[in-house]
């Protein structure tokens, strides 16, 4: 990608999403709620920027720069949520030496609101994960891993509901099948449950019981596969009612989200921002204050190579 920072605007047609103009109309803005969702995936223990030695992405990334970028956005926006879609661990000596403690502590300082588990988050076994969880000041959400017969029983919830100015945002997590990716001893008796079925259950709970206005899936299934293996695209096609699928695992850099439209008229937006903390995904959603109906969306991919937020 030649430009390290770029803004992408997305119009998803007539099904409740329209292009937002900039600057916002002041009168209209007073009748609206703006929600900013920031997201990362597949950080892989990349604490420092990539060396600026002529390599691809040289000088980009780094948790300190990301923290500054996130802080700048929070100063500008009233309602911000920050999520991660798994594989926080594995990839640099920081993980080898500190076993994930540093990653969790830095993410806590950045005030992550929630994350889901990736396959590499099992690399030190369930004991290693249990040992580091106290350093994470944010919840891990997992709807399709059953830890009932493991030492992590009761450690994870399937979903969490956040509230911003009366807007209820339901967030749940889905993980990839561990068999074949992770050694059996590392996930022990963790059971993998059908992600499509669990997603359908989560949508029903979040829409009907929790009365959520927005449903977000933090997915480590992967963006797209040939064949029947469940990925984010198949999930979005088969489960109506999810508004955002924030993905991981395949390290897919998407310049703009993909929108899956259902026969019901509901749209599901899928996004993923590469790997190693090189990019921060940003999705700005606008809702009518009175009805909580979604009326606009604007998306951006921000390269983490400059501590100053550009527009």
Protein backbone atom coordinates (compact mmCIF):
# COMPACT_ATOMS: atom_id res chain seq x y z
CA UNK A 1 0.00 0.00 0.00
CA UNK A 2 1.60 3.25 -1.15
CA UNK A 3 -0.24 5.56 1.21
CA UNK A 4 0.20 4.70 4.87
CA UNK A 5 -2.78 6.67 6.03
CA UNK A 6 -5.95 6.88 4.02
CA UNK A 7 -9.61 7.43 4.61
CA UNK A 8 -12.24 5.35 2.93
CA UNK A 9 -15.89 6.26 2.83
CA UNK A 10 -18.44 3.54 2.36
CA UNK A 11 -22.04 3.78 1.25
CA UNK A 12 -23.95 0.55 1.79
CA UNK A 13 -27.11 1.50 -0.04
CA UNK A 14 -30.63 1.85 1.17
CA UNK A 15 -30.68 -0.71 3.96
CA UNK A 16 -30.25 1.74 6.81
CA UNK A 17 -26.71 2.90 6.00
CA UNK A 18 -25.87 6.05 4.10
CA UNK A 19 -22.76 8.08 3.44
CA UNK A 20 -22.01 10.72 6.04
CA UNK A 21 -20.99 14.16 4.88
CA UNK A 22 -18.09 16.07 6.40
CA UNK A 23 -18.35 18.43 8.17
CA UNK A 24 -21.46 17.20 9.95
CA UNK A 25 -24.52 19.42 9.95
CA UNK A 26 -24.64 20.93 13.44
CA UNK A 27 -28.41 20.74 13.79
CA UNK A 28 -28.53 17.15 12.57
CA UNK A 29 -25.62 16.19 14.81
CA UNK A 30 -27.56 17.33 17.87
CA UNK A 31 -30.16 14.69 17.02
CA UNK A 32 -27.59 11.93 16.49
CA UNK A 33 -25.26 9.68 18.44
CA UNK A 34 -21.85 9.00 16.96
CA UNK A 35 -20.03 5.79 17.90
CA UNK A 36 -16.39 5.18 17.00
CA UNK A 37 -15.17 1.58 16.94
CA UNK A 38 -11.41 0.99 16.77
CA UNK A 39 -9.99 -2.48 16.20
CA UNK A 40 -6.82 -4.53 15.76
CA UNK A 41 -6.05 -8.18 15.07
CA UNK A 42 -3.06 -10.53 15.00
CA UNK A 43 -0.72 -8.28 16.96
CA UNK A 44 1.73 -11.16 17.42
CA UNK A 45 3.70 -9.55 20.26
CA UNK A 46 4.90 -6.69 18.06
CA UNK A 47 5.73 -4.17 20.78
CA UNK A 48 8.24 -2.10 18.80
CA UNK A 49 7.90 -0.63 15.30
CA UNK A 50 9.39 -2.59 12.43
CA UNK A 51 13.03 -1.54 11.87
CA UNK A 52 13.24 1.39 9.47
CA UNK A 53 15.89 -0.23 7.29
CA UNK A 54 14.27 -0.21 3.87
CA UNK A 55 12.07 -3.26 4.43
CA UNK A 56 8.36 -3.25 3.69
CA UNK A 57 6.51 -1.49 6.51
CA UNK A 58 9.84 -0.26 7.91
CA UNK A 59 9.28 2.26 10.69
CA UNK A 60 5.59 1.37 11.00
CA UNK A 61 3.69 -0.05 13.94
CA UNK A 62 4.65 -0.07 17.59
CA UNK A 63 2.40 -0.06 20.63
CA UNK A 64 3.55 3.36 21.87
CA UNK A 65 2.54 4.98 18.59
CA UNK A 66 -0.74 3.11 18.58
CA UNK A 67 -1.43 4.31 22.11
CA UNK A 68 -0.87 7.91 21.00
CA UNK A 69 -3.13 7.47 17.99
CA UNK A 70 -5.90 5.98 20.12
CA UNK A 71 -5.49 8.73 22.72
CA UNK A 72 -5.83 11.40 20.01
CA UNK A 73 -9.04 9.81 18.73
CA UNK A 74 -10.49 9.63 22.22
CA UNK A 75 -9.81 13.34 22.69
CA UNK A 76 -11.86 14.04 19.55
CA UNK A 77 -14.70 11.54 19.99
CA UNK A 78 -17.06 11.07 22.92
CA UNK A 79 -18.01 7.43 22.37
CA UNK A 80 -15.11 5.11 21.57
CA UNK A 81 -14.82 1.34 21.84
CA UNK A 82 -11.53 -0.52 21.24
CA UNK A 83 -11.44 -4.23 20.35
CA UNK A 84 -8.96 -6.95 19.35
CA UNK A 85 -9.70 -10.11 17.36
CA UNK A 86 -7.06 -12.50 18.67
CA UNK A 87 -3.49 -13.75 18.25
CA UNK A 88 -2.16 -11.13 20.64
CA UNK A 89 0.79 -13.42 21.40
CA UNK A 90 3.71 -15.04 19.57
CA UNK A 91 6.13 -13.55 17.07
CA UNK A 92 8.86 -11.59 18.88
CA UNK A 93 11.29 -12.20 21.76
CA UNK A 94 9.01 -10.18 24.03
CA UNK A 95 6.66 -13.15 24.14
CA UNK A 96 9.51 -15.62 24.63
CA UNK A 97 10.81 -13.69 27.63
CA UNK A 98 7.64 -12.31 29.26
CA UNK A 99 5.09 -14.94 28.14
CA UNK A 100 2.37 -12.43 27.23
CA UNK A 101 2.47 -10.28 30.37
CA UNK A 102 3.76 -7.20 28.55
CA UNK A 103 1.18 -7.38 25.76
CA UNK A 104 -1.71 -7.57 28.22
CA UNK A 105 -0.35 -4.75 30.36
CA UNK A 106 0.14 -2.43 27.39
CA UNK A 107 -3.30 -3.21 25.99
CA UNK A 108 -4.75 -2.46 29.42
CA UNK A 109 -3.00 0.91 29.39
CA UNK A 110 -4.53 1.57 25.96
CA UNK A 111 -7.92 0.77 27.54
CA UNK A 112 -9.01 -2.06 25.27
CA UNK A 113 -12.66 -2.79 25.93
CA UNK A 114 -12.68 -6.46 24.88
CA UNK A 115 -10.82 -9.10 22.86
CA UNK A 116 -11.34 -12.64 21.65
CA UNK A 117 -8.92 -15.56 21.65
CA UNK A 118 -6.79 -16.61 18.69
CA UNK A 119 -5.03 -19.94 18.24
CA UNK A 120 -1.64 -18.46 19.23
CA UNK A 121 -3.10 -17.29 22.51
CA UNK A 122 -2.91 -20.98 23.52
CA UNK A 123 0.82 -21.27 22.75
CA UNK A 124 1.78 -21.52 26.42
CA UNK A 125 -1.08 -23.87 27.17
CA UNK A 126 -4.07 -23.24 29.39
CA UNK A 127 -1.74 -22.80 32.36
CA UNK A 128 0.16 -20.04 30.57
CA UNK A 129 -3.06 -18.29 29.61
CA UNK A 130 -4.40 -18.58 33.14
CA UNK A 131 -1.14 -17.15 34.52
CA UNK A 132 -1.36 -14.00 32.38
CA UNK A 133 -5.10 -13.26 32.57
CA UNK A 134 -4.74 -11.16 35.76
CA UNK A 135 -2.64 -8.71 33.73
CA UNK A 136 -5.48 -8.11 31.27
CA UNK A 137 -7.75 -5.28 32.40
CA UNK A 138 -10.29 -6.17 29.73
CA UNK A 139 -12.48 -9.23 29.12
CA UNK A 140 -11.87 -12.01 26.62
CA UNK A 141 -15.14 -12.98 24.95
CA UNK A 142 -15.61 -16.51 23.63
CA UNK A 143 -18.95 -17.99 22.60
CA UNK A 144 -17.77 -21.16 20.85
CA UNK A 145 -14.97 -22.45 23.11
CA UNK A 146 -16.30 -24.52 26.00
CA UNK A 147 -13.79 -24.48 28.86
CA UNK A 148 -16.07 -26.34 31.31
CA UNK A 149 -13.71 -29.29 31.74
CA UNK A 150 -10.53 -27.22 32.00
CA UNK A 151 -8.73 -25.03 34.53
CA UNK A 152 -10.22 -21.99 32.75
CA UNK A 153 -13.81 -22.91 33.55
CA UNK A 154 -15.71 -19.70 34.29
CA UNK A 155 -12.95 -17.39 33.10
CA UNK A 156 -14.61 -16.22 29.90
CA UNK A 157 -18.05 -14.90 29.00
CA UNK A 158 -19.62 -15.34 25.55
CA UNK A 159 -20.60 -11.69 25.20
CA UNK A 160 -20.64 -8.26 26.81
CA UNK A 161 -22.98 -5.31 26.38
CA UNK A 162 -21.57 -1.78 26.31
CA UNK A 163 -23.71 1.34 26.60
CA UNK A 164 -22.92 4.74 25.09
CA UNK A 165 -25.47 7.56 25.42
CA UNK A 166 -28.29 5.05 25.69
CA UNK A 167 -26.98 3.07 22.69
CA UNK A 168 -26.56 -0.60 23.55
CA UNK A 169 -23.72 -2.43 21.76
CA UNK A 170 -23.58 -6.20 22.12
CA UNK A 171 -20.21 -7.84 21.45
CA UNK A 172 -19.43 -11.57 21.27
CA UNK A 173 -16.36 -13.61 20.33
CA UNK A 174 -15.74 -16.59 18.04
CA UNK A 175 -12.57 -18.65 17.71
CA UNK A 176 -11.15 -20.96 15.06
CA UNK A 177 -11.03 -24.74 15.43
CA UNK A 178 -7.92 -25.50 17.49
CA UNK A 179 -7.41 -29.08 16.37
CA UNK A 180 -4.61 -29.15 13.80
CA UNK A 181 -3.44 -25.64 14.69
CA UNK A 182 -2.64 -26.09 18.37
CA UNK A 183 -1.15 -29.08 20.13
CA UNK A 184 -3.72 -31.06 22.09
CA UNK A 185 -1.81 -30.60 25.35
CA UNK A 186 -2.09 -26.82 24.93
CA UNK A 187 -5.88 -26.68 24.73
CA UNK A 188 -6.57 -29.90 26.68
CA UNK A 189 -10.32 -30.54 27.04
CA UNK A 190 -11.42 -27.25 25.48
CA UNK A 191 -14.39 -28.03 23.23
CA UNK A 192 -14.93 -26.31 19.89
CA UNK A 193 -18.57 -25.46 19.22
CA UNK A 194 -20.16 -24.69 15.85
CA UNK A 195 -19.53 -20.97 15.26
CA UNK A 196 -22.58 -20.50 13.03
CA UNK A 197 -24.93 -22.01 15.60
CA UNK A 198 -23.35 -20.02 18.44
CA UNK A 199 -23.51 -16.81 16.41
CA UNK A 200 -27.21 -17.37 15.79
CA UNK A 201 -27.71 -17.87 19.52
CA UNK A 202 -25.73 -14.72 20.32
CA UNK A 203 -27.76 -12.62 17.88
CA UNK A 204 -30.99 -13.83 19.43
CA UNK A 205 -29.79 -13.11 22.97
CA UNK A 206 -28.33 -9.71 22.14
CA UNK A 207 -31.24 -8.54 20.00
CA UNK A 208 -34.18 -9.97 21.93
CA UNK A 209 -33.04 -10.26 25.54
CA UNK A 210 -30.38 -7.56 25.79
CA UNK A 211 -32.19 -5.15 23.43
CA UNK A 212 -28.97 -4.19 21.64
CA UNK A 213 -29.02 -1.63 18.85
CA UNK A 214 -25.71 -2.87 17.37
CA UNK A 215 -24.25 -6.40 17.34
CA UNK A 216 -20.51 -6.90 16.86
CA UNK A 217 -18.66 -10.19 16.41
CA UNK A 218 -14.95 -10.38 17.27
CA UNK A 219 -13.88 -13.25 15.05
CA UNK A 220 -10.70 -15.27 14.76
CA UNK A 221 -12.17 -17.56 12.12
CA UNK A 222 -10.32 -16.03 9.16
CA UNK A 223 -11.64 -13.88 6.33
CA UNK A 224 -12.21 -16.30 3.43
CA UNK A 225 -11.41 -19.92 2.53
CA UNK A 226 -12.06 -22.14 -0.45
CA UNK A 227 -14.31 -25.02 0.55
CA UNK A 228 -16.67 -25.49 3.48
CA UNK A 229 -14.46 -24.25 6.31
CA UNK A 230 -16.33 -21.50 8.14
CA UNK A 231 -14.87 -18.05 7.67
CA UNK A 232 -16.09 -14.50 8.24
CA UNK A 233 -17.76 -14.29 4.84
CA UNK A 234 -19.68 -17.54 5.28
CA UNK A 235 -20.61 -16.54 8.81
CA UNK A 236 -21.97 -13.21 7.63
CA UNK A 237 -23.92 -14.87 4.84
CA UNK A 238 -25.48 -17.52 7.08
CA UNK A 239 -26.26 -15.42 10.16
CA UNK A 240 -28.47 -12.39 9.77
CA UNK A 241 -28.44 -9.85 12.57
CA UNK A 242 -24.70 -9.23 12.99
CA UNK A 243 -23.80 -5.64 12.12
CA UNK A 244 -19.99 -5.87 12.25
CA UNK A 245 -17.60 -8.80 11.97
CA UNK A 246 -14.14 -7.66 13.05
CA UNK A 247 -11.88 -10.45 11.92
CA UNK A 248 -8.45 -11.96 12.38
CA UNK A 249 -6.28 -15.04 11.75
CA UNK A 250 -5.69 -14.66 7.98
CA UNK A 251 -3.74 -11.39 8.32
CA UNK A 252 -5.93 -9.89 5.63
CA UNK A 253 -5.43 -6.21 4.91
CA UNK A 254 -8.74 -4.78 3.75
CA UNK A 255 -8.70 -1.26 2.33
CA UNK A 256 -12.41 -1.06 3.01
CA UNK A 257 -14.92 -3.37 4.70
CA UNK A 258 -16.94 -5.87 2.70
CA UNK A 259 -20.70 -5.60 3.10
CA UNK A 260 -22.87 -8.72 2.95
CA UNK A 261 -26.54 -7.97 2.30
CA UNK A 262 -29.21 -10.38 3.50
CA UNK A 263 -32.62 -11.02 1.96
CA UNK A 264 -34.09 -9.44 5.09
CA UNK A 265 -32.41 -6.17 4.14
CA UNK A 266 -29.92 -6.39 7.00
CA UNK A 267 -26.30 -5.58 6.16
CA UNK A 268 -23.26 -7.19 7.79
CA UNK A 269 -19.95 -5.37 7.45
CA UNK A 270 -16.70 -7.40 7.59
CA UNK A 271 -13.32 -5.83 8.29
CA UNK A 272 -9.76 -6.92 9.10
CA UNK A 273 -6.59 -4.81 9.33
CA UNK A 274 -3.62 -7.03 8.53
CA UNK A 275 -1.23 -7.99 11.31
CA UNK A 276 1.47 -6.92 13.79
CA UNK A 277 -0.29 -3.71 14.78
CA UNK A 278 0.65 -1.97 11.54
CA UNK A 279 -2.83 -0.57 11.12
CA UNK A 280 -5.69 0.54 13.31
CA UNK A 281 -9.18 0.02 11.94
CA UNK A 282 -11.74 2.77 12.51
CA UNK A 283 -15.48 2.60 11.93
CA UNK A 284 -17.64 5.65 12.73
CA UNK A 285 -21.33 4.86 13.01
CA UNK A 286 -24.12 7.37 13.43
CA UNK A 287 -27.51 6.65 14.97
CA UNK A 288 -30.65 8.71 15.37
CA UNK A 289 -30.77 9.71 19.01
CA UNK A 290 -34.50 9.12 19.40
CA UNK A 291 -34.96 5.84 17.53
CA UNK A 292 -31.38 4.47 17.79
CA UNK A 293 -31.64 3.62 14.10
CA UNK A 294 -28.34 3.44 12.25
CA UNK A 295 -28.19 6.21 9.63
CA UNK A 296 -24.54 6.49 8.60
CA UNK A 297 -21.15 4.85 8.48
CA UNK A 298 -17.66 6.03 7.67
CA UNK A 299 -14.58 3.81 7.72
CA UNK A 300 -10.85 4.40 7.87
CA UNK A 301 -7.64 2.40 8.00
CA UNK A 302 -4.94 4.27 9.90
CA UNK A 303 -1.30 3.36 9.46
CA UNK A 304 0.50 3.31 12.79
CA UNK A 305 3.60 5.17 11.66
CA UNK A 306 2.95 8.68 12.90
CA UNK A 307 1.74 9.74 16.35
CA UNK A 308 -0.29 12.59 14.85
CA UNK A 309 -3.81 11.67 13.69
CA UNK A 310 -4.41 12.85 10.14
CA UNK A 311 -7.76 13.32 8.44
